[in-house]
Amino acid sequence: MDEQNLRQLLEAVAAGRMPAQDALERLRSLPFEDLGHTKVDHHRALRTGFPEVVFCPGKTPEQVAEIVACLRPHARVVLATRADRATYEVVCAQVPEAEYRDPARIIWVGEAEPRAGAIAVVSAGTSDIPVAEEAAVTAEATGITVHRIYDVGVAGLHRLLHHLDTLREAAAIVVVAGMEGALASVVGGLVDTPVIGVPTSIGYGASFGGVAALLGMLNSCATGVAVVNIDNGFAAGYMAALIALRHKTPEEAV
């Protein structure tokens, strides 16, 4: 349950459209609902503005399906990340309207409410797209606009420069790169926009499964670059969305 739903519920009781007992039943599961294997946090949307998100690895498909079905009546959008298609099929049996967003590997249920704000998600290479899509789809779940700019790494910077206008208009930029992770620094040196670097595990042996890209981004000499964990597109997309939702244009600030 988010702030808007709670306000509508209270207004319905105040106007006499809903008995207080019915409202009490709606609120009974707050702040959490115990499924035995999981304590589902229905209160999270009220605290943070976005419902609990299900991380699928380590959970059985049946557990994921039960959690998603539990969250669905309380949330406008439900996300389950790092899901495979086998898990998706089990979720669909309980929540038929679920969609599988590939290559983001996200199960999506519901419809986001359009909101002002836009970010850009940039990938260095095509191999980085699954992590970039995880960031993009996560941000889209908040209702903001996401501009995708893929395969514009440092091996051919003319490809990136072609999109400078889009980058400069974004409230935040997610940069997804493996190998040496240099693209985050390049983008950070071109814009006055917060850049969130996502190192990926793409690369040859000396990349150490993304550690080289992580250290490269952490050692960026460009200002305004922050870094999340290896392959963590979800965290970057979420952070970028929060920035965009609080961002005001010069016209709005007047």
C-alpha atoms as a PDB file:
ATOM      1  CA  MET A   1       0.000   0.000   0.000  1.00  0.00           C
ATOM      2  CA  ASP A   2       1.407   3.365  -1.045  1.00  0.00           C
ATOM      3  CA  GLU A   3       0.563   6.868   0.162  1.00  0.00           C
ATOM      4  CA  GLN A   4      -2.005   7.462  -2.564  1.00  0.00           C
ATOM      5  CA  ASN A   5      -3.882   4.230  -1.800  1.00  0.00           C
ATOM      6  CA  LEU A   6      -3.881   4.969   1.917  1.00  0.00           C
ATOM      7  CA  ARG A   7      -5.228   8.480   1.329  1.00  0.00           C
ATOM      8  CA  GLN A   8      -8.016   7.112  -0.894  1.00  0.00           C
ATOM      9  CA  LEU A   9      -8.896   4.527   1.747  1.00  0.00           C
ATOM     10  CA  LEU A  10      -9.128   7.127   4.518  1.00  0.00           C
ATOM     11  CA  GLU A  11     -11.159   9.474   2.323  1.00  0.00           C
ATOM     12  CA  ALA A  12     -13.588   6.648   1.526  1.00  0.00           C
ATOM     13  CA  VAL A  13     -14.131   6.000   5.237  1.00  0.00           C
ATOM     14  CA  ALA A  14     -14.513   9.725   5.979  1.00  0.00           C
ATOM     15  CA  ALA A  15     -17.081  10.108   3.185  1.00  0.00           C
ATOM     16  CA  GLY A  16     -19.040   7.064   4.311  1.00  0.00           C
ATOM     17  CA  ARG A  17     -18.337   5.080   1.154  1.00  0.00           C
ATOM     18  CA  MET A  18     -16.523   2.328   3.078  1.00  0.00           C
ATOM     19  CA  PRO A  19     -17.326   0.889   6.516  1.00  0.00           C
ATOM     20  CA  ALA A  20     -14.556   1.303   9.073  1.00  0.00           C
ATOM     21  CA  GLN A  21     -14.424  -2.481   9.518  1.00  0.00           C
ATOM     22  CA  ASP A  22     -13.646  -2.984   5.817  1.00  0.00           C
ATOM     23  CA  ALA A  23     -10.863  -0.429   6.047  1.00  0.00           C
ATOM     24  CA  LEU A  24      -9.513  -2.182   9.107  1.00  0.00           C
ATOM     25  CA  GLU A  25      -9.338  -5.453   7.168  1.00  0.00           C
ATOM     26  CA  ARG A  26      -7.414  -3.678   4.399  1.00  0.00           C
ATOM     27  CA  LEU A  27      -4.935  -2.316   6.931  1.00  0.00           C
ATOM     28  CA  ARG A  28      -4.628  -5.486   8.989  1.00  0.00           C
ATOM     29  CA  SER A  29      -1.601  -6.757   7.025  1.00  0.00           C
ATOM     30  CA  LEU A  30       0.409  -3.598   7.772  1.00  0.00           C
ATOM     31  CA  PRO A  31       3.253  -3.367   8.486  1.00  0.00           C
ATOM     32  CA  PHE A  32       3.997  -6.909   7.228  1.00  0.00           C
ATOM     33  CA  GLU A  33       2.399 -10.224   6.344  1.00  0.00           C
ATOM     34  CA  ASP A  34       3.973 -13.483   7.540  1.00  0.00           C
ATOM     35  CA  LEU A  35       4.028 -16.226   4.891  1.00  0.00           C
ATOM     36  CA  GLY A  36       6.130 -18.533   7.040  1.00  0.00           C
ATOM     37  CA  HIS A  37       9.159 -18.464   4.742  1.00  0.00           C
ATOM     38  CA  THR A  38       8.951 -14.680   4.182  1.00  0.00           C
ATOM     39  CA  LYS A  39       7.679 -11.637   6.064  1.00  0.00           C
ATOM     40  CA  VAL A  40       6.337  -9.450   3.263  1.00  0.00           C
ATOM     41  CA  ASP A  41       6.818  -5.741   3.983  1.00  0.00           C
ATOM     42  CA  HIS A  42       3.608  -4.001   2.853  1.00  0.00           C
ATOM     43  CA  HIS A  43       4.642  -0.853   4.708  1.00  0.00           C
ATOM     44  CA  ARG A  44       7.694  -0.200   2.553  1.00  0.00           C
ATOM     45  CA  ALA A  45       5.889   1.882  -0.068  1.00  0.00           C
ATOM     46  CA  LEU A  46       4.684   4.251   2.642  1.00  0.00           C
ATOM     47  CA  ARG A  47       8.238   4.636   3.988  1.00  0.00           C
ATOM     48  CA  THR A  48      10.214   4.774   0.762  1.00  0.00           C
ATOM     49  CA  GLY A  49       7.713   5.466  -2.020  1.00  0.00           C
ATOM     50  CA  PHE A  50       8.144   2.069  -3.700  1.00  0.00           C
ATOM     51  CA  PRO A  51       6.980  -1.443  -2.702  1.00  0.00           C
ATOM     52  CA  GLU A  52       9.251  -4.284  -1.658  1.00  0.00           C
ATOM     53  CA  VAL A  53      11.048  -5.876  -4.632  1.00  0.00           C
ATOM     54  CA  VAL A  54      11.567  -9.646  -4.777  1.00  0.00           C
ATOM     55  CA  PHE A  55      15.140 -10.898  -5.318  1.00  0.00           C
ATOM     56  CA  CYS A  56      14.648 -14.341  -6.874  1.00  0.00           C
ATOM     57  CA  PRO A  57      18.011 -16.163  -6.506  1.00  0.00           C
ATOM     58  CA  GLY A  58      17.989 -18.430  -3.468  1.00  0.00           C
ATOM     59  CA  LYS A  59      14.188 -18.649  -3.425  1.00  0.00           C
ATOM     60  CA  THR A  60      12.152 -21.475  -4.937  1.00  0.00           C
ATOM     61  CA  PRO A  61       9.799 -20.564  -7.795  1.00  0.00           C
ATOM     62  CA  GLU A  62       6.891 -21.382  -5.509  1.00  0.00           C
ATOM     63  CA  GLN A  63       8.154 -18.978  -2.850  1.00  0.00           C
ATOM     64  CA  VAL A  64       8.580 -16.214  -5.438  1.00  0.00           C
ATOM     65  CA  ALA A  65       5.062 -16.821  -6.748  1.00  0.00           C
ATOM     66  CA  GLU A  66       3.549 -16.683  -3.274  1.00  0.00           C
ATOM     67  CA  ILE A  67       5.397 -13.442  -2.434  1.00  0.00           C
ATOM     68  CA  VAL A  68       4.372 -11.783  -5.710  1.00  0.00           C
ATOM     69  CA  ALA A  69       0.743 -12.837  -5.224  1.00  0.00           C
ATOM     70  CA  CYS A  70       0.862 -11.443  -1.682  1.00  0.00           C
ATOM     71  CA  LEU A  71       2.283  -8.084  -2.839  1.00  0.00           C
ATOM     72  CA  ARG A  72      -0.017  -7.660  -5.843  1.00  0.00           C
ATOM     73  CA  PRO A  73      -3.190  -6.427  -4.069  1.00  0.00           C
ATOM     74  CA  HIS A  74      -1.192  -3.816  -2.171  1.00  0.00           C
ATOM     75  CA  ALA A  75       1.049  -2.373  -4.912  1.00  0.00           C
ATOM     76  CA  ARG A  76       0.599  -0.605  -8.224  1.00  0.00           C
ATOM     77  CA  VAL A  77       3.695  -2.367  -9.614  1.00  0.00           C
ATOM     78  CA  VAL A  78       5.448  -5.505  -8.351  1.00  0.00           C
ATOM     79  CA  LEU A  79       8.959  -6.457  -9.494  1.00  0.00           C
ATOM     80  CA  ALA A  80      10.839  -9.728  -9.076  1.00  0.00           C
ATOM     81  CA  THR A  81      14.482  -9.401 -10.150  1.00  0.00           C
ATOM     82  CA  ARG A  82      17.009 -11.925 -11.472  1.00  0.00           C
ATOM     83  CA  ALA A  83      14.200 -14.291 -12.416  1.00  0.00           C
ATOM     84  CA  ASP A  84      14.469 -17.096 -14.953  1.00  0.00           C
ATOM     85  CA  ARG A  85      11.646 -18.224 -17.208  1.00  0.00           C
ATOM     86  CA  ALA A  86      10.957 -21.315 -15.110  1.00  0.00           C
ATOM     87  CA  THR A  87      10.218 -19.069 -12.127  1.00  0.00           C
ATOM     88  CA  TYR A  88       8.115 -16.815 -14.330  1.00  0.00           C
ATOM     89  CA  GLU A  89       5.935 -19.739 -15.435  1.00  0.00           C
ATOM     90  CA  VAL A  90       5.217 -20.636 -11.804  1.00  0.00           C
ATOM     91  CA  VAL A  91       4.407 -16.995 -10.980  1.00  0.00           C
ATOM     92  CA  CYS A  92       2.039 -16.819 -13.968  1.00  0.00           C
ATOM     93  CA  ALA A  93       0.030 -19.716 -12.568  1.00  0.00           C
ATOM     94  CA  GLN A  94      -0.861 -17.557  -9.541  1.00  0.00           C
ATOM     95  CA  VAL A  95      -0.670 -14.088 -11.121  1.00  0.00           C
ATOM     96  CA  PRO A  96      -1.739 -14.450 -14.782  1.00  0.00           C
ATOM     97  CA  GLU A  97      -1.094 -10.790 -15.664  1.00  0.00           C
ATOM     98  CA  ALA A  98       2.632 -11.118 -14.863  1.00  0.00           C
ATOM     99  CA  GLU A  99       5.052 -10.247 -17.675  1.00  0.00           C
ATOM    100  CA  TYR A 100       8.630 -11.352 -18.221  1.00  0.00           C
ATOM    101  CA  ARG A 101      10.937  -8.494 -19.177  1.00  0.00           C
ATOM    102  CA  ASP A 102      13.868  -9.975 -21.045  1.00  0.00           C
ATOM    103  CA  PRO A 103      16.872  -9.378 -21.082  1.00  0.00           C
ATOM    104  CA  ALA A 104      16.355  -7.547 -17.768  1.00  0.00           C
ATOM    105  CA  ARG A 105      15.358 -10.894 -16.166  1.00  0.00           C
ATOM    106  CA  ILE A 106      12.564  -9.125 -14.299  1.00  0.00           C
ATOM    107  CA  ILE A 107       9.027 -10.322 -13.636  1.00  0.00           C
ATOM    108  CA  TRP A 108       6.744  -7.288 -13.862  1.00  0.00           C
ATOM    109  CA  VAL A 109       3.181  -7.109 -12.562  1.00  0.00           C
ATOM    110  CA  GLY A 110       0.934  -4.052 -12.800  1.00  0.00           C
ATOM    111  CA  GLU A 111       1.103  -0.671 -14.495  1.00  0.00           C
ATOM    112  CA  ALA A 112       3.290   2.239 -13.472  1.00  0.00           C
ATOM    113  CA  GLU A 113       1.712   5.627 -12.949  1.00  0.00           C
ATOM    114  CA  PRO A 114       3.404   8.109 -15.336  1.00  0.00           C
ATOM    115  CA  ARG A 115       5.428  10.705 -13.451  1.00  0.00           C
ATOM    116  CA  ALA A 116       7.611  13.624 -14.455  1.00  0.00           C
ATOM    117  CA  GLY A 117      11.339  12.997 -14.747  1.00  0.00           C
ATOM    118  CA  ALA A 118      13.727  11.272 -17.114  1.00  0.00           C
ATOM    119  CA  ILE A 119      17.035   9.440 -16.867  1.00  0.00           C
ATOM    120  CA  ALA A 120      19.446   7.899 -19.353  1.00  0.00           C
ATOM    121  CA  VAL A 121      20.822   4.376 -19.159  1.00  0.00           C
ATOM    122  CA  VAL A 122      24.065   3.911 -21.085  1.00  0.00           C
ATOM    123  CA  SER A 123      25.871   0.671 -21.825  1.00  0.00           C
ATOM    124  CA  ALA A 124      29.459   0.344 -22.988  1.00  0.00           C
ATOM    125  CA  GLY A 125      28.818  -2.826 -24.988  1.00  0.00           C
ATOM    126  CA  THR A 126      26.038  -5.090 -26.171  1.00  0.00           C
ATOM    127  CA  SER A 127      27.146  -7.682 -23.597  1.00  0.00           C
ATOM    128  CA  ASP A 128      26.327  -5.177 -20.837  1.00  0.00           C
ATOM    129  CA  ILE A 129      22.695  -4.799 -21.937  1.00  0.00           C
ATOM    130  CA  PRO A 130      21.142  -7.331 -19.500  1.00  0.00           C
ATOM    131  CA  VAL A 131      22.444  -5.310 -16.529  1.00  0.00           C
ATOM    132  CA  ALA A 132      21.524  -2.038 -18.266  1.00  0.00           C
ATOM    133  CA  GLU A 133      18.000  -3.311 -18.850  1.00  0.00           C
ATOM    134  CA  GLU A 134      17.688  -4.282 -15.195  1.00  0.00           C
ATOM    135  CA  ALA A 135      18.432  -0.639 -14.366  1.00  0.00           C
ATOM    136  CA  ALA A 136      16.093   0.704 -17.043  1.00  0.00           C
ATOM    137  CA  VAL A 137      13.110  -1.496 -16.172  1.00  0.00           C
ATOM    138  CA  THR A 138      13.550  -0.800 -12.452  1.00  0.00           C
ATOM    139  CA  ALA A 139      13.472   2.943 -13.111  1.00  0.00           C
ATOM    140  CA  GLU A 140      10.456   2.606 -15.409  1.00  0.00           C
ATOM    141  CA  ALA A 141       8.531   0.937 -12.578  1.00  0.00           C
ATOM    142  CA  THR A 142       8.532   4.304 -10.781  1.00  0.00           C
ATOM    143  CA  GLY A 143       6.774   5.898 -13.749  1.00  0.00           C
ATOM    144  CA  ILE A 144       9.599   8.072 -15.062  1.00  0.00           C
ATOM    145  CA  THR A 145      10.930   8.133 -18.649  1.00  0.00           C
ATOM    146  CA  VAL A 146      14.077   6.147 -19.471  1.00  0.00           C
ATOM    147  CA  HIS A 147      16.271   6.881 -22.501  1.00  0.00           C
ATOM    148  CA  ARG A 148      18.371   3.876 -23.535  1.00  0.00           C
ATOM    149  CA  ILE A 149      21.767   4.491 -25.175  1.00  0.00           C
ATOM    150  CA  TYR A 150      23.505   1.172 -25.768  1.00  0.00           C
ATOM    151  CA  ASP A 151      26.862   0.038 -27.193  1.00  0.00           C
ATOM    152  CA  VAL A 152      28.665   3.394 -26.980  1.00  0.00           C
ATOM    153  CA  GLY A 153      31.846   2.352 -25.184  1.00  0.00           C
ATOM    154  CA  VAL A 154      35.299   3.939 -25.250  1.00  0.00           C
ATOM    155  CA  ALA A 155      36.420   1.890 -28.253  1.00  0.00           C
ATOM    156  CA  GLY A 156      34.363   4.301 -30.365  1.00  0.00           C
ATOM    157  CA  LEU A 157      33.508   7.486 -28.497  1.00  0.00           C
ATOM    158  CA  HIS A 158      31.929   9.123 -31.553  1.00  0.00           C
ATOM    159  CA  ARG A 159      28.937   6.852 -30.856  1.00  0.00           C
ATOM    160  CA  LEU A 160      28.508   8.387 -27.392  1.00  0.00           C
ATOM    161  CA  LEU A 161      28.981  11.993 -28.551  1.00  0.00           C
ATOM    162  CA  HIS A 162      26.050  11.551 -30.918  1.00  0.00           C
ATOM    163  CA  HIS A 163      23.773  11.385 -27.829  1.00  0.00           C
ATOM    164  CA  LEU A 164      25.154  14.308 -25.831  1.00  0.00           C
ATOM    165  CA  ASP A 165      21.911  16.295 -25.905  1.00  0.00           C
ATOM    166  CA  THR A 166      19.978  13.396 -24.387  1.00  0.00           C
ATOM    167  CA  LEU A 167      22.630  12.896 -21.714  1.00  0.00           C
ATOM    168  CA  ARG A 168      22.637  16.574 -20.741  1.00  0.00           C
ATOM    169  CA  GLU A 169      18.847  16.696 -20.420  1.00  0.00           C
ATOM    170  CA  ALA A 170      18.635  13.652 -18.122  1.00  0.00           C
ATOM    171  CA  ALA A 171      18.200  14.119 -14.369  1.00  0.00           C
ATOM    172  CA  ALA A 172      20.631  11.234 -13.772  1.00  0.00           C
ATOM    173  CA  ILE A 173      22.678   8.861 -15.913  1.00  0.00           C
ATOM    174  CA  VAL A 174      23.346   5.186 -15.283  1.00  0.00           C
ATOM    175  CA  VAL A 175      26.540   3.995 -16.986  1.00  0.00           C
ATOM    176  CA  VAL A 176      26.962   0.226 -17.300  1.00  0.00           C
ATOM    177  CA  ALA A 177      30.398  -1.051 -18.338  1.00  0.00           C
ATOM    178  CA  GLY A 178      32.621  -4.068 -17.935  1.00  0.00           C
ATOM    179  CA  MET A 179      36.260  -4.584 -19.019  1.00  0.00           C
ATOM    180  CA  GLU A 180      38.117  -1.612 -17.447  1.00  0.00           C
ATOM    181  CA  GLY A 181      34.937   0.388 -16.689  1.00  0.00           C
ATOM    182  CA  ALA A 182      36.272   3.584 -18.262  1.00  0.00           C
ATOM    183  CA  LEU A 183      32.978   4.781 -19.714  1.00  0.00           C
ATOM    184  CA  ALA A 184      31.676   6.109 -16.387  1.00  0.00           C
ATOM    185  CA  SER A 185      34.598   8.533 -16.144  1.00  0.00           C
ATOM    186  CA  VAL A 186      34.150   9.640 -19.748  1.00  0.00           C
ATOM    187  CA  VAL A 187      30.465  10.414 -19.250  1.00  0.00           C
ATOM    188  CA  GLY A 188      31.172  12.108 -15.919  1.00  0.00           C
ATOM    189  CA  GLY A 189      33.590  14.437 -17.664  1.00  0.00           C
ATOM    190  CA  LEU A 190      31.009  15.510 -20.258  1.00  0.00           C
ATOM    191  CA  VAL A 191      27.945  16.437 -18.200  1.00  0.00           C
ATOM    192  CA  ASP A 192      26.851  18.306 -15.057  1.00  0.00           C
ATOM    193  CA  THR A 193      24.528  15.422 -14.168  1.00  0.00           C
ATOM    194  CA  PRO A 194      24.882  12.750 -11.456  1.00  0.00           C
ATOM    195  CA  VAL A 195      26.422   9.611 -12.960  1.00  0.00           C
ATOM    196  CA  ILE A 196      25.875   6.201 -11.374  1.00  0.00           C
ATOM    197  CA  GLY A 197      28.431   3.665 -12.506  1.00  0.00           C
ATOM    198  CA  VAL A 198      27.559  -0.031 -12.693  1.00  0.00           C
ATOM    199  CA  PRO A 199      30.602  -2.275 -13.205  1.00  0.00           C
ATOM    200  CA  THR A 200      29.710  -5.553 -14.896  1.00  0.00           C
ATOM    201  CA  SER A 201      31.352  -8.953 -14.800  1.00  0.00           C
ATOM    202  CA  ILE A 202      31.961  -8.811 -18.569  1.00  0.00           C
ATOM    203  CA  GLY A 203      35.605  -9.186 -19.564  1.00  0.00           C
ATOM    204  CA  TYR A 204      38.601 -11.482 -19.859  1.00  0.00           C
ATOM    205  CA  GLY A 205      40.544 -13.085 -17.018  1.00  0.00           C
ATOM    206  CA  ALA A 206      42.294  -9.985 -15.702  1.00  0.00           C
ATOM    207  CA  SER A 207      38.950  -8.273 -15.279  1.00  0.00           C
ATOM    208  CA  PHE A 208      38.454 -10.595 -12.277  1.00  0.00           C
ATOM    209  CA  GLY A 209      34.716 -10.930 -12.783  1.00  0.00           C
ATOM    210  CA  GLY A 210      34.085  -7.191 -12.700  1.00  0.00           C
ATOM    211  CA  VAL A 211      36.548  -6.225  -9.957  1.00  0.00           C
ATOM    212  CA  ALA A 212      38.754  -4.347 -12.437  1.00  0.00           C
ATOM    213  CA  ALA A 213      35.773  -2.310 -13.673  1.00  0.00           C
ATOM    214  CA  LEU A 214      34.659  -1.688 -10.079  1.00  0.00           C
ATOM    215  CA  LEU A 215      38.082  -0.385  -9.050  1.00  0.00           C
ATOM    216  CA  GLY A 216      38.347   1.696 -12.220  1.00  0.00           C
ATOM    217  CA  MET A 217      35.026   3.400 -11.526  1.00  0.00           C
ATOM    218  CA  LEU A 218      35.829   3.914  -7.848  1.00  0.00           C
ATOM    219  CA  ASN A 219      39.088   5.591  -8.871  1.00  0.00           C
ATOM    220  CA  SER A 220      37.416   7.899 -11.387  1.00  0.00           C
ATOM    221  CA  CYS A 221      38.948  11.348 -11.617  1.00  0.00           C
ATOM    222  CA  ALA A 222      35.681  12.702 -13.038  1.00  0.00           C
ATOM    223  CA  THR A 223      33.473  14.507 -10.545  1.00  0.00           C
ATOM    224  CA  GLY A 224      29.884  13.493  -9.892  1.00  0.00           C
ATOM    225  CA  VAL A 225      30.412   9.737 -10.370  1.00  0.00           C
ATOM    226  CA  ALA A 226      29.076   7.302  -7.765  1.00  0.00           C
ATOM    227  CA  VAL A 227      29.357   3.526  -8.048  1.00  0.00           C
ATOM    228  CA  VAL A 228      27.168   0.564  -7.097  1.00  0.00           C
ATOM    229  CA  ASN A 229      28.144  -3.086  -6.788  1.00  0.00           C
ATOM    230  CA  ILE A 230      29.127  -5.369  -9.667  1.00  0.00           C
ATOM    231  CA  ASP A 231      26.169  -6.202 -11.962  1.00  0.00           C
ATOM    232  CA  ASN A 232      23.760  -4.331  -9.647  1.00  0.00           C
ATOM    233  CA  GLY A 233      21.582  -2.677 -12.259  1.00  0.00           C
ATOM    234  CA  PHE A 234      18.649  -2.701  -9.857  1.00  0.00           C
ATOM    235  CA  ALA A 235      20.346  -0.430  -7.319  1.00  0.00           C
ATOM    236  CA  ALA A 236      21.501   1.987 -10.010  1.00  0.00           C
ATOM    237  CA  GLY A 237      18.083   2.210 -11.646  1.00  0.00           C
ATOM    238  CA  TYR A 238      16.404   2.759  -8.290  1.00  0.00           C
ATOM    239  CA  MET A 239      18.872   5.479  -7.273  1.00  0.00           C
ATOM    240  CA  ALA A 240      18.609   7.251 -10.628  1.00  0.00           C
ATOM    241  CA  ALA A 241      14.809   7.205 -10.379  1.00  0.00           C
ATOM    242  CA  LEU A 242      14.909   8.754  -6.906  1.00  0.00           C
ATOM    243  CA  ILE A 243      17.103  11.551  -8.242  1.00  0.00           C
ATOM    244  CA  ALA A 244      14.786  12.118 -11.210  1.00  0.00           C
ATOM    245  CA  LEU A 245      11.672  12.225  -9.040  1.00  0.00           C
ATOM    246  CA  ARG A 246      13.223  14.963  -6.882  1.00  0.00           C
ATOM    247  CA  HIS A 247      14.790  16.837  -9.783  1.00  0.00           C
ATOM    248  CA  LYS A 248      13.245  20.158 -10.782  1.00  0.00           C
ATOM    249  CA  THR A 249      13.895  22.005 -13.998  1.00  0.00           C
ATOM    250  CA  PRO A 250      14.806  25.701 -13.775  1.00  0.00           C
ATOM    251  CA  GLU A 251      11.230  26.533 -14.886  1.00  0.00           C
ATOM    252  CA  GLU A 252       9.703  24.356 -12.123  1.00  0.00           C
ATOM    253  CA  ALA A 253      12.029  25.814  -9.480  1.00  0.00           C
ATOM    254  CA  VAL A 254      10.855  29.389 -10.143  1.00  0.00           C
END
